C-alpha atoms as a PDB file:
ATOM      1  CA  UNK A   1       4.483  16.457   2.288  1.00  0.00           C
ATOM      2  CA  UNK A   2       5.493  13.420   0.244  1.00  0.00           C
ATOM      3  CA  UNK A   3       5.080  13.801  -3.519  1.00  0.00           C
ATOM      4  CA  UNK A   4       3.008  11.347  -5.539  1.00  0.00           C
ATOM      5  CA  UNK A   5       6.129  10.284  -7.426  1.00  0.00           C
ATOM      6  CA  UNK A   6       7.967   9.525  -4.178  1.00  0.00           C
ATOM      7  CA  UNK A   7       4.945   7.695  -2.746  1.00  0.00           C
ATOM      8  CA  UNK A   8       4.614   5.558  -5.863  1.00  0.00           C
ATOM      9  CA  UNK A   9       8.341   4.779  -5.803  1.00  0.00           C
ATOM     10  CA  UNK A  10       8.145   3.719  -2.137  1.00  0.00           C
ATOM     11  CA  UNK A  11       5.143   1.494  -2.889  1.00  0.00           C
ATOM     12  CA  UNK A  12       6.868  -0.082  -5.890  1.00  0.00           C
ATOM     13  CA  UNK A  13       9.975  -0.838  -3.845  1.00  0.00           C
ATOM     14  CA  UNK A  14       7.821  -2.344  -1.101  1.00  0.00           C
ATOM     15  CA  UNK A  15       5.707  -4.678  -3.249  1.00  0.00           C
ATOM     16  CA  UNK A  16       8.599  -5.840  -5.449  1.00  0.00           C
ATOM     17  CA  UNK A  17      11.263  -6.185  -2.753  1.00  0.00           C
ATOM     18  CA  UNK A  18      13.689  -8.946  -3.717  1.00  0.00           C
ATOM     19  CA  UNK A  19      12.279  -9.201  -7.246  1.00  0.00           C
ATOM     20  CA  UNK A  20      13.544  -8.077 -10.661  1.00  0.00           C
ATOM     21  CA  UNK A  21      14.319  -4.363 -10.783  1.00  0.00           C
ATOM     22  CA  UNK A  22      12.315  -4.059 -14.013  1.00  0.00           C
ATOM     23  CA  UNK A  23       9.225  -4.913 -11.989  1.00  0.00           C
ATOM     24  CA  UNK A  24       9.993  -2.130  -9.540  1.00  0.00           C
ATOM     25  CA  UNK A  25      10.259   0.356 -12.403  1.00  0.00           C
ATOM     26  CA  UNK A  26       6.972  -0.827 -13.916  1.00  0.00           C
ATOM     27  CA  UNK A  27       5.066  -0.562 -10.632  1.00  0.00           C
ATOM     28  CA  UNK A  28       6.567   2.876  -9.997  1.00  0.00           C
ATOM     29  CA  UNK A  29       5.536   4.136 -13.414  1.00  0.00           C
ATOM     30  CA  UNK A  30       1.879   3.037 -13.555  1.00  0.00           C
ATOM     31  CA  UNK A  31      -0.541   5.261 -11.549  1.00  0.00           C
ATOM     32  CA  UNK A  32      -2.797   2.915  -9.579  1.00  0.00           C
ATOM     33  CA  UNK A  33      -5.355   5.683  -8.995  1.00  0.00           C
ATOM     34  CA  UNK A  34      -6.165   5.784 -12.703  1.00  0.00           C
ATOM     35  CA  UNK A  35      -7.313   2.165 -12.589  1.00  0.00           C
ATOM     36  CA  UNK A  36      -9.215   1.969  -9.292  1.00  0.00           C
ATOM     37  CA  UNK A  37     -11.078   5.260  -9.652  1.00  0.00           C
ATOM     38  CA  UNK A  38     -11.464   8.171  -7.249  1.00  0.00           C
ATOM     39  CA  UNK A  39     -11.319   7.616  -3.494  1.00  0.00           C
ATOM     40  CA  UNK A  40     -12.193   6.961  -0.847  1.00  0.00           C
ATOM     41  CA  UNK A  41     -11.627   3.308  -1.675  1.00  0.00           C
ATOM     42  CA  UNK A  42     -12.905   0.052  -0.254  1.00  0.00           C
ATOM     43  CA  UNK A  43     -10.224  -2.299   1.047  1.00  0.00           C
ATOM     44  CA  UNK A  44     -10.949  -6.023   1.029  1.00  0.00           C
ATOM     45  CA  UNK A  45     -10.462  -7.815   4.337  1.00  0.00           C
ATOM     46  CA  UNK A  46     -11.377 -11.263   3.028  1.00  0.00           C
ATOM     47  CA  UNK A  47     -14.668 -11.114   4.928  1.00  0.00           C
ATOM     48  CA  UNK A  48     -15.909  -7.773   3.604  1.00  0.00           C
ATOM     49  CA  UNK A  49     -14.672  -4.262   2.868  1.00  0.00           C
ATOM     50  CA  UNK A  50     -13.446  -1.331   4.947  1.00  0.00           C
ATOM     51  CA  UNK A  51     -13.725   2.197   3.560  1.00  0.00           C
ATOM     52  CA  UNK A  52     -10.565   4.316   3.650  1.00  0.00           C
ATOM     53  CA  UNK A  53     -10.884   7.499   5.755  1.00  0.00           C
ATOM     54  CA  UNK A  54     -10.237   9.748   2.746  1.00  0.00           C
ATOM     55  CA  UNK A  55      -8.967   9.862  -0.821  1.00  0.00           C
ATOM     56  CA  UNK A  56      -5.395  10.445   0.313  1.00  0.00           C
ATOM     57  CA  UNK A  57      -3.121   8.423  -1.967  1.00  0.00           C
ATOM     58  CA  UNK A  58      -1.274   7.067   1.057  1.00  0.00           C
ATOM     59  CA  UNK A  59      -4.202   4.655   1.483  1.00  0.00           C
ATOM     60  CA  UNK A  60      -3.916   3.581  -2.150  1.00  0.00           C
ATOM     61  CA  UNK A  61      -0.184   2.941  -2.377  1.00  0.00           C
ATOM     62  CA  UNK A  62      -0.097   0.002  -0.001  1.00  0.00           C
ATOM     63  CA  UNK A  63      -0.315  -3.761  -0.503  1.00  0.00           C
ATOM     64  CA  UNK A  64      -4.098  -3.530  -0.125  1.00  0.00           C
ATOM     65  CA  UNK A  65      -6.667  -5.354  -2.230  1.00  0.00           C
ATOM     66  CA  UNK A  66      -9.123  -2.711  -3.484  1.00  0.00           C
ATOM     67  CA  UNK A  67     -12.696  -3.143  -4.697  1.00  0.00           C
ATOM     68  CA  UNK A  68     -13.460  -2.601  -8.367  1.00  0.00           C
ATOM     69  CA  UNK A  69     -16.994  -3.992  -8.112  1.00  0.00           C
ATOM     70  CA  UNK A  70     -17.767  -4.767  -4.493  1.00  0.00           C
ATOM     71  CA  UNK A  71     -21.185  -6.164  -5.469  1.00  0.00           C
ATOM     72  CA  UNK A  72     -19.415  -9.016  -7.270  1.00  0.00           C
ATOM     73  CA  UNK A  73     -16.286  -9.112  -5.061  1.00  0.00           C
ATOM     74  CA  UNK A  74     -14.172  -8.178  -8.090  1.00  0.00           C
ATOM     75  CA  UNK A  75     -11.011  -6.514  -6.853  1.00  0.00           C
ATOM     76  CA  UNK A  76      -7.763  -4.923  -7.901  1.00  0.00           C
ATOM     77  CA  UNK A  77      -5.624  -7.705  -6.479  1.00  0.00           C
ATOM     78  CA  UNK A  78      -2.774  -7.684  -3.978  1.00  0.00           C
ATOM     79  CA  UNK A  79       0.231  -5.944  -5.570  1.00  0.00           C
ATOM     80  CA  UNK A  80       2.860  -8.092  -3.856  1.00  0.00           C
ATOM     81  CA  UNK A  81       1.132 -11.274  -5.053  1.00  0.00           C
ATOM     82  CA  UNK A  82       0.996 -10.011  -8.630  1.00  0.00           C
ATOM     83  CA  UNK A  83       4.607  -8.897  -8.406  1.00  0.00           C
ATOM     84  CA  UNK A  84       5.642 -12.427  -7.467  1.00  0.00           C
ATOM     85  CA  UNK A  85       3.529 -13.845 -10.298  1.00  0.00           C
ATOM     86  CA  UNK A  86       5.048 -11.510 -12.871  1.00  0.00           C
ATOM     87  CA  UNK A  87       8.510 -12.362 -11.583  1.00  0.00           C
ATOM     88  CA  UNK A  88       7.744 -16.055 -12.155  1.00  0.00           C
ATOM     89  CA  UNK A  89       6.708 -15.299 -15.751  1.00  0.00           C
ATOM     90  CA  UNK A  90      10.037 -13.546 -16.473  1.00  0.00           C
ATOM     91  CA  UNK A  91       8.562 -11.268 -19.141  1.00  0.00           C
ATOM     92  CA  UNK A  92      11.137  -9.811 -21.533  1.00  0.00           C
ATOM     93  CA  UNK A  93      10.845  -6.952 -23.988  1.00  0.00           C
ATOM     94  CA  UNK A  94       9.062  -7.721 -27.237  1.00  0.00           C
ATOM     95  CA  UNK A  95       6.971 -10.650 -26.013  1.00  0.00           C
ATOM     96  CA  UNK A  96       3.354 -11.280 -27.021  1.00  0.00           C
ATOM     97  CA  UNK A  97       1.166 -11.423 -23.926  1.00  0.00           C
ATOM     98  CA  UNK A  98      -2.438 -12.407 -23.245  1.00  0.00           C
ATOM     99  CA  UNK A  99      -3.930 -11.123 -19.984  1.00  0.00           C
ATOM    100  CA  UNK A 100      -7.141 -12.936 -19.088  1.00  0.00           C
ATOM    101  CA  UNK A 101      -9.309 -11.330 -16.422  1.00  0.00           C
ATOM    102  CA  UNK A 102      -7.877  -7.857 -16.955  1.00  0.00           C
ATOM    103  CA  UNK A 103     -10.339  -5.979 -14.756  1.00  0.00           C
ATOM    104  CA  UNK A 104      -9.828  -2.255 -15.285  1.00  0.00           C
ATOM    105  CA  UNK A 105      -6.343  -2.817 -16.673  1.00  0.00           C
ATOM    106  CA  UNK A 106      -3.902  -2.066 -13.850  1.00  0.00           C
ATOM    107  CA  UNK A 107      -1.830  -5.225 -14.173  1.00  0.00           C
ATOM    108  CA  UNK A 108      -2.326  -5.104 -17.943  1.00  0.00           C
ATOM    109  CA  UNK A 109      -0.522  -1.757 -17.866  1.00  0.00           C
ATOM    110  CA  UNK A 110       2.335  -3.260 -15.864  1.00  0.00           C
ATOM    111  CA  UNK A 111       2.588  -6.105 -18.383  1.00  0.00           C
ATOM    112  CA  UNK A 112       2.646  -3.488 -21.151  1.00  0.00           C
ATOM    113  CA  UNK A 113       5.537  -1.727 -19.432  1.00  0.00           C
ATOM    114  CA  UNK A 114       7.444  -5.006 -19.145  1.00  0.00           C
ATOM    115  CA  UNK A 115       7.057  -6.066 -22.783  1.00  0.00           C
ATOM    116  CA  UNK A 116       7.481  -2.508 -24.060  1.00  0.00           C
ATOM    117  CA  UNK A 117       6.431  -0.977 -27.376  1.00  0.00           C
ATOM    118  CA  UNK A 118       8.038  -3.783 -29.403  1.00  0.00           C
ATOM    119  CA  UNK A 119       5.729  -6.309 -27.740  1.00  0.00           C
ATOM    120  CA  UNK A 120       1.963  -6.583 -27.475  1.00  0.00           C
ATOM    121  CA  UNK A 121      -0.715  -7.278 -24.873  1.00  0.00           C
ATOM    122  CA  UNK A 122      -4.162  -8.709 -25.634  1.00  0.00           C
ATOM    123  CA  UNK A 123      -6.361  -8.093 -22.587  1.00  0.00           C
ATOM    124  CA  UNK A 124      -9.592 -10.055 -22.089  1.00  0.00           C
ATOM    125  CA  UNK A 125     -12.313  -8.938 -19.668  1.00  0.00           C
ATOM    126  CA  UNK A 126     -15.748 -10.563 -19.621  1.00  0.00           C
ATOM    127  CA  UNK A 127     -17.466  -7.833 -17.557  1.00  0.00           C
ATOM    128  CA  UNK A 128     -18.550  -5.110 -20.039  1.00  0.00           C
ATOM    129  CA  UNK A 129     -18.324  -2.276 -17.507  1.00  0.00           C
ATOM    130  CA  UNK A 130     -14.805  -3.208 -16.446  1.00  0.00           C
ATOM    131  CA  UNK A 131     -13.716  -3.776 -20.047  1.00  0.00           C
ATOM    132  CA  UNK A 132     -14.931  -0.295 -20.973  1.00  0.00           C
ATOM    133  CA  UNK A 133     -13.018   1.223 -18.066  1.00  0.00           C
ATOM    134  CA  UNK A 134      -9.917  -0.738 -19.076  1.00  0.00           C
ATOM    135  CA  UNK A 135     -10.139   0.579 -22.641  1.00  0.00           C
ATOM    136  CA  UNK A 136     -10.236   4.155 -21.333  1.00  0.00           C
ATOM    137  CA  UNK A 137      -7.465   3.584 -18.790  1.00  0.00           C
ATOM    138  CA  UNK A 138      -5.151   1.920 -21.320  1.00  0.00           C
ATOM    139  CA  UNK A 139      -5.685   4.378 -24.166  1.00  0.00           C
ATOM    140  CA  UNK A 140      -2.094   5.569 -23.781  1.00  0.00           C
ATOM    141  CA  UNK A 141      -0.699   2.114 -24.606  1.00  0.00           C
ATOM    142  CA  UNK A 142      -0.912   1.606 -28.390  1.00  0.00           C
ATOM    143  CA  UNK A 143       0.452  -1.925 -28.077  1.00  0.00           C
ATOM    144  CA  UNK A 144      -2.477  -3.025 -25.852  1.00  0.00           C
ATOM    145  CA  UNK A 145      -5.777  -4.307 -27.286  1.00  0.00           C
ATOM    146  CA  UNK A 146      -8.861  -4.780 -25.088  1.00  0.00           C
ATOM    147  CA  UNK A 147     -11.356  -7.557 -25.819  1.00  0.00           C
ATOM    148  CA  UNK A 148     -14.685  -7.314 -23.987  1.00  0.00           C
ATOM    149  CA  UNK A 149     -15.146 -11.075 -23.976  1.00  0.00           C
ATOM    150  CA  UNK A 150     -14.221 -14.270 -22.198  1.00  0.00           C
ATOM    151  CA  UNK A 151     -10.654 -15.452 -22.462  1.00  0.00           C
ATOM    152  CA  UNK A 152     -11.698 -19.098 -22.245  1.00  0.00           C
ATOM    153  CA  UNK A 153     -12.540 -19.530 -25.929  1.00  0.00           C
ATOM    154  CA  UNK A 154      -9.856 -20.587 -28.466  1.00  0.00           C
ATOM    155  CA  UNK A 155      -7.393 -17.745 -29.004  1.00  0.00           C
ATOM    156  CA  UNK A 156      -6.664 -16.612 -32.552  1.00  0.00           C
ATOM    157  CA  UNK A 157      -2.949 -15.952 -32.051  1.00  0.00           C
ATOM    158  CA  UNK A 158       0.134 -17.480 -30.459  1.00  0.00           C
ATOM    159  CA  UNK A 159       1.524 -15.975 -27.265  1.00  0.00           C
ATOM    160  CA  UNK A 160       4.784 -16.038 -25.345  1.00  0.00           C
ATOM    161  CA  UNK A 161       3.012 -15.311 -22.054  1.00  0.00           C
ATOM    162  CA  UNK A 162      -0.547 -15.992 -20.878  1.00  0.00           C
ATOM    163  CA  UNK A 163      -1.414 -14.562 -17.461  1.00  0.00           C
ATOM    164  CA  UNK A 164      -4.808 -15.532 -16.035  1.00  0.00           C
ATOM    165  CA  UNK A 165      -6.378 -13.682 -13.110  1.00  0.00           C
ATOM    166  CA  UNK A 166      -9.403 -15.868 -12.394  1.00  0.00           C
ATOM    167  CA  UNK A 167      -9.476 -19.282 -10.764  1.00  0.00           C
ATOM    168  CA  UNK A 168      -9.797 -22.372 -12.980  1.00  0.00           C
ATOM    169  CA  UNK A 169     -10.050 -26.068 -12.173  1.00  0.00           C
ATOM    170  CA  UNK A 170      -8.060 -27.063 -15.254  1.00  0.00           C
ATOM    171  CA  UNK A 171      -5.481 -25.757 -17.731  1.00  0.00           C
ATOM    172  CA  UNK A 172      -7.800 -24.975 -20.639  1.00  0.00           C
ATOM    173  CA  UNK A 173      -6.893 -26.377 -24.044  1.00  0.00           C
ATOM    174  CA  UNK A 174      -7.483 -22.866 -25.419  1.00  0.00           C
ATOM    175  CA  UNK A 175      -4.604 -21.560 -23.292  1.00  0.00           C
ATOM    176  CA  UNK A 176      -2.214 -24.453 -23.859  1.00  0.00           C
ATOM    177  CA  UNK A 177      -2.790 -24.486 -27.621  1.00  0.00           C
ATOM    178  CA  UNK A 178      -2.102 -20.734 -27.816  1.00  0.00           C
ATOM    179  CA  UNK A 179       1.343 -21.044 -26.212  1.00  0.00           C
ATOM    180  CA  UNK A 180       4.260 -20.739 -28.601  1.00  0.00           C
ATOM    181  CA  UNK A 181       7.373 -22.847 -28.009  1.00  0.00           C
ATOM    182  CA  UNK A 182       8.965 -21.580 -24.809  1.00  0.00           C
ATOM    183  CA  UNK A 183       5.719 -19.842 -23.879  1.00  0.00           C
ATOM    184  CA  UNK A 184       4.599 -19.630 -20.259  1.00  0.00           C
ATOM    185  CA  UNK A 185       1.085 -19.921 -18.866  1.00  0.00           C
ATOM    186  CA  UNK A 186       0.475 -18.821 -15.280  1.00  0.00           C
ATOM    187  CA  UNK A 187      -2.994 -19.270 -13.819  1.00  0.00           C
ATOM    188  CA  UNK A 188      -4.713 -19.918 -10.469  1.00  0.00           C
ATOM    189  CA  UNK A 189      -5.516 -23.627 -10.200  1.00  0.00           C
ATOM    190  CA  UNK A 190      -8.176 -23.495  -7.512  1.00  0.00           C
ATOM    191  CA  UNK A 191     -10.575 -25.911  -5.832  1.00  0.00           C
ATOM    192  CA  UNK A 192     -13.766 -24.621  -4.278  1.00  0.00           C
ATOM    193  CA  UNK A 193     -13.349 -22.571  -1.118  1.00  0.00           C
ATOM    194  CA  UNK A 194     -12.471 -22.702   1.714  1.00  0.00           C
ATOM    195  CA  UNK A 195      -9.442 -24.570   0.337  1.00  0.00           C
ATOM    196  CA  UNK A 196      -7.038 -22.169  -1.379  1.00  0.00           C
ATOM    197  CA  UNK A 197      -5.305 -22.925  -4.659  1.00  0.00           C
ATOM    198  CA  UNK A 198      -1.922 -22.017  -6.129  1.00  0.00           C
ATOM    199  CA  UNK A 199      -0.553 -20.387  -9.274  1.00  0.00           C
ATOM    200  CA  UNK A 200       0.469 -23.100 -11.736  1.00  0.00           C
ATOM    201  CA  UNK A 201       3.269 -22.188 -14.151  1.00  0.00           C
ATOM    202  CA  UNK A 202       3.203 -24.224 -17.373  1.00  0.00           C
ATOM    203  CA  UNK A 203       5.970 -23.952 -19.995  1.00  0.00           C
ATOM    204  CA  UNK A 204       5.657 -25.358 -23.516  1.00  0.00           C
ATOM    205  CA  UNK A 205       8.746 -27.195 -24.762  1.00  0.00           C
ATOM    206  CA  UNK A 206       9.932 -27.650 -28.349  1.00  0.00           C
ATOM    207  CA  UNK A 207       8.652 -31.243 -28.396  1.00  0.00           C
ATOM    208  CA  UNK A 208       5.138 -30.044 -27.404  1.00  0.00           C
ATOM    209  CA  UNK A 209       5.402 -31.379 -23.879  1.00  0.00           C
ATOM    210  CA  UNK A 210       4.717 -29.151 -20.904  1.00  0.00           C
ATOM    211  CA  UNK A 211       6.796 -28.538 -17.816  1.00  0.00           C
ATOM    212  CA  UNK A 212       4.733 -27.484 -14.808  1.00  0.00           C
ATOM    213  CA  UNK A 213       5.279 -26.323 -11.257  1.00  0.00           C
ATOM    214  CA  UNK A 214       3.418 -24.369  -8.628  1.00  0.00           C
ATOM    215  CA  UNK A 215       5.106 -20.972  -8.571  1.00  0.00           C
ATOM    216  CA  UNK A 216       3.130 -18.880  -6.067  1.00  0.00           C
ATOM    217  CA  UNK A 217       0.632 -19.683  -3.360  1.00  0.00           C
ATOM    218  CA  UNK A 218      -1.634 -20.017  -1.615  1.00  0.00           C
ATOM    219  CA  UNK A 219      -3.962 -17.780  -3.640  1.00  0.00           C
ATOM    220  CA  UNK A 220      -7.641 -16.830  -3.767  1.00  0.00           C
ATOM    221  CA  UNK A 221      -9.202 -15.524  -7.001  1.00  0.00           C
ATOM    222  CA  UNK A 222     -12.696 -14.973  -8.304  1.00  0.00           C
ATOM    223  CA  UNK A 223     -13.859 -17.992 -10.330  1.00  0.00           C
ATOM    224  CA  UNK A 224     -13.120 -18.052 -14.060  1.00  0.00           C
ATOM    225  CA  UNK A 225     -16.402 -18.458 -15.935  1.00  0.00           C
ATOM    226  CA  UNK A 226     -16.163 -21.355 -18.376  1.00  0.00           C
ATOM    227  CA  UNK A 227     -13.043 -22.846 -16.797  1.00  0.00           C
ATOM    228  CA  UNK A 228     -14.472 -24.811 -13.880  1.00  0.00           C
ATOM    229  CA  UNK A 229     -16.180 -28.137 -13.237  1.00  0.00           C
ATOM    230  CA  UNK A 230     -17.446 -29.431  -9.906  1.00  0.00           C
ATOM    231  CA  UNK A 231     -15.728 -32.789 -10.400  1.00  0.00           C
ATOM    232  CA  UNK A 232     -12.297 -31.278 -11.055  1.00  0.00           C
ATOM    233  CA  UNK A 233     -12.749 -28.894  -8.119  1.00  0.00           C
ATOM    234  CA  UNK A 234     -13.295 -31.938  -5.900  1.00  0.00           C
ATOM    235  CA  UNK A 235     -10.173 -33.678  -7.243  1.00  0.00           C
ATOM    236  CA  UNK A 236      -8.146 -30.529  -6.593  1.00  0.00           C
ATOM    237  CA  UNK A 237      -9.550 -30.287  -3.078  1.00  0.00           C
ATOM    238  CA  UNK A 238      -8.185 -33.741  -2.234  1.00  0.00           C
ATOM    239  CA  UNK A 239      -4.846 -33.029  -3.938  1.00  0.00           C
ATOM    240  CA  UNK A 240      -4.210 -29.753  -2.114  1.00  0.00           C
ATOM    241  CA  UNK A 241      -5.214 -31.255   1.230  1.00  0.00           C
ATOM    242  CA  UNK A 242      -2.458 -33.870   0.763  1.00  0.00           C
ATOM    243  CA  UNK A 243       0.032 -30.994   0.837  1.00  0.00           C
ATOM    244  CA  UNK A 244       2.655 -32.174  -1.672  1.00  0.00           C
ATOM    245  CA  UNK A 245       1.983 -29.647  -4.439  1.00  0.00           C
ATOM    246  CA  UNK A 246       5.664 -28.679  -4.480  1.00  0.00           C
ATOM    247  CA  UNK A 247       6.445 -32.063  -6.063  1.00  0.00           C
ATOM    248  CA  UNK A 248       4.607 -31.306  -9.343  1.00  0.00           C
ATOM    249  CA  UNK A 249       7.004 -31.235 -12.319  1.00  0.00           C
ATOM    250  CA  UNK A 250       4.990 -31.699 -15.528  1.00  0.00           C
ATOM    251  CA  UNK A 251       1.586 -31.457 -17.172  1.00  0.00           C
ATOM    252  CA  UNK A 252       0.416 -34.433 -19.216  1.00  0.00           C
ATOM    253  CA  UNK A 253      -2.359 -34.339 -21.838  1.00  0.00           C
ATOM    254  CA  UNK A 254      -4.337 -37.069 -23.565  1.00  0.00           C
ATOM    255  CA  UNK A 255      -2.946 -40.018 -21.623  1.00  0.00           C
ATOM    256  CA  UNK A 256      -4.060 -42.125 -18.687  1.00  0.00           C
ATOM    257  CA  UNK A 257      -2.771 -40.923 -15.305  1.00  0.00           C
ATOM    258  CA  UNK A 258       0.230 -42.900 -14.113  1.00  0.00           C
ATOM    259  CA  UNK A 259       1.577 -43.667 -10.665  1.00  0.00           C
ATOM    260  CA  UNK A 260       3.208 -40.215 -10.506  1.00  0.00           C
ATOM    261  CA  UNK A 261      -0.150 -38.422 -10.806  1.00  0.00           C
ATOM    262  CA  UNK A 262      -0.652 -35.587  -8.316  1.00  0.00           C
ATOM    263  CA  UNK A 263      -4.096 -34.686  -9.637  1.00  0.00           C
ATOM    264  CA  UNK A 264      -6.029 -35.781 -12.723  1.00  0.00           C
ATOM    265  CA  UNK A 265      -8.839 -34.055 -14.576  1.00  0.00           C
ATOM    266  CA  UNK A 266     -10.670 -34.584 -17.841  1.00  0.00           C
ATOM    267  CA  UNK A 267      -7.914 -35.259 -20.397  1.00  0.00           C
ATOM    268  CA  UNK A 268      -5.040 -33.859 -18.302  1.00  0.00           C
ATOM    269  CA  UNK A 269      -3.030 -34.686 -15.222  1.00  0.00           C
ATOM    270  CA  UNK A 270      -0.206 -33.209 -13.217  1.00  0.00           C
ATOM    271  CA  UNK A 271       2.780 -35.470 -12.634  1.00  0.00           C
ATOM    272  CA  UNK A 272       5.497 -35.424 -10.014  1.00  0.00           C
ATOM    273  CA  UNK A 273       7.873 -36.739 -12.687  1.00  0.00           C
ATOM    274  CA  UNK A 274       9.718 -34.283 -14.918  1.00  0.00           C
ATOM    275  CA  UNK A 275       9.603 -34.585 -18.692  1.00  0.00           C
ATOM    276  CA  UNK A 276      12.696 -36.261 -20.147  1.00  0.00           C
END
């Protein structure tokens, strides 16, 4: 019989294959069962859920998306997808991280492993039940703080990394303003379904300009409350249908969209021209 340690190591190697070895170690160390609750579990198929035959951990340590609150289609997301996202963020030890849409804290714990005890993680979860579960699950991480509130309001600190796990139609000013120089914001920029969005990586430069590129996709996330407008969702729909998202190079704020605009929203636009 395979031990839990060996099973977790196999899973970590599988979902982080080809990525930074530090990610593999983090996934291998964090027990997923602590964060998704006792089995059997409900696996998302994209059109509903399928119940696992038992509570055997072999059903848990796969690339499956697992229900946290099936009534609201809130899930513990696909591990391989999150591994790729965390690889794009290139978290290093000692960094200050904000995790928005923390759920029950599984990927918060992996972020905490990556930044280590010299860093910090502020985790925001708007659902009170999930936030309470996250606080219990993350009690062993003294450098993690749970906030049972929206992460769309202005943040009171500066961060090196902001990782958002709910779909927005714009890069919120609250997130951009909270980035320190060299800080990275990664969030799902998503139109309304059935069109999928992509993870937009935004990096703040010393001159307060922002580099931007689509790092991972396509992706589907639950909507981020307070970070969506119907008009911007429509603009994103048209932009993603054009299919040239890979050309995006920068995020512009407070200026009129130019001829290099890929998509424009209220007070922001994505450009296919890099910052000089």
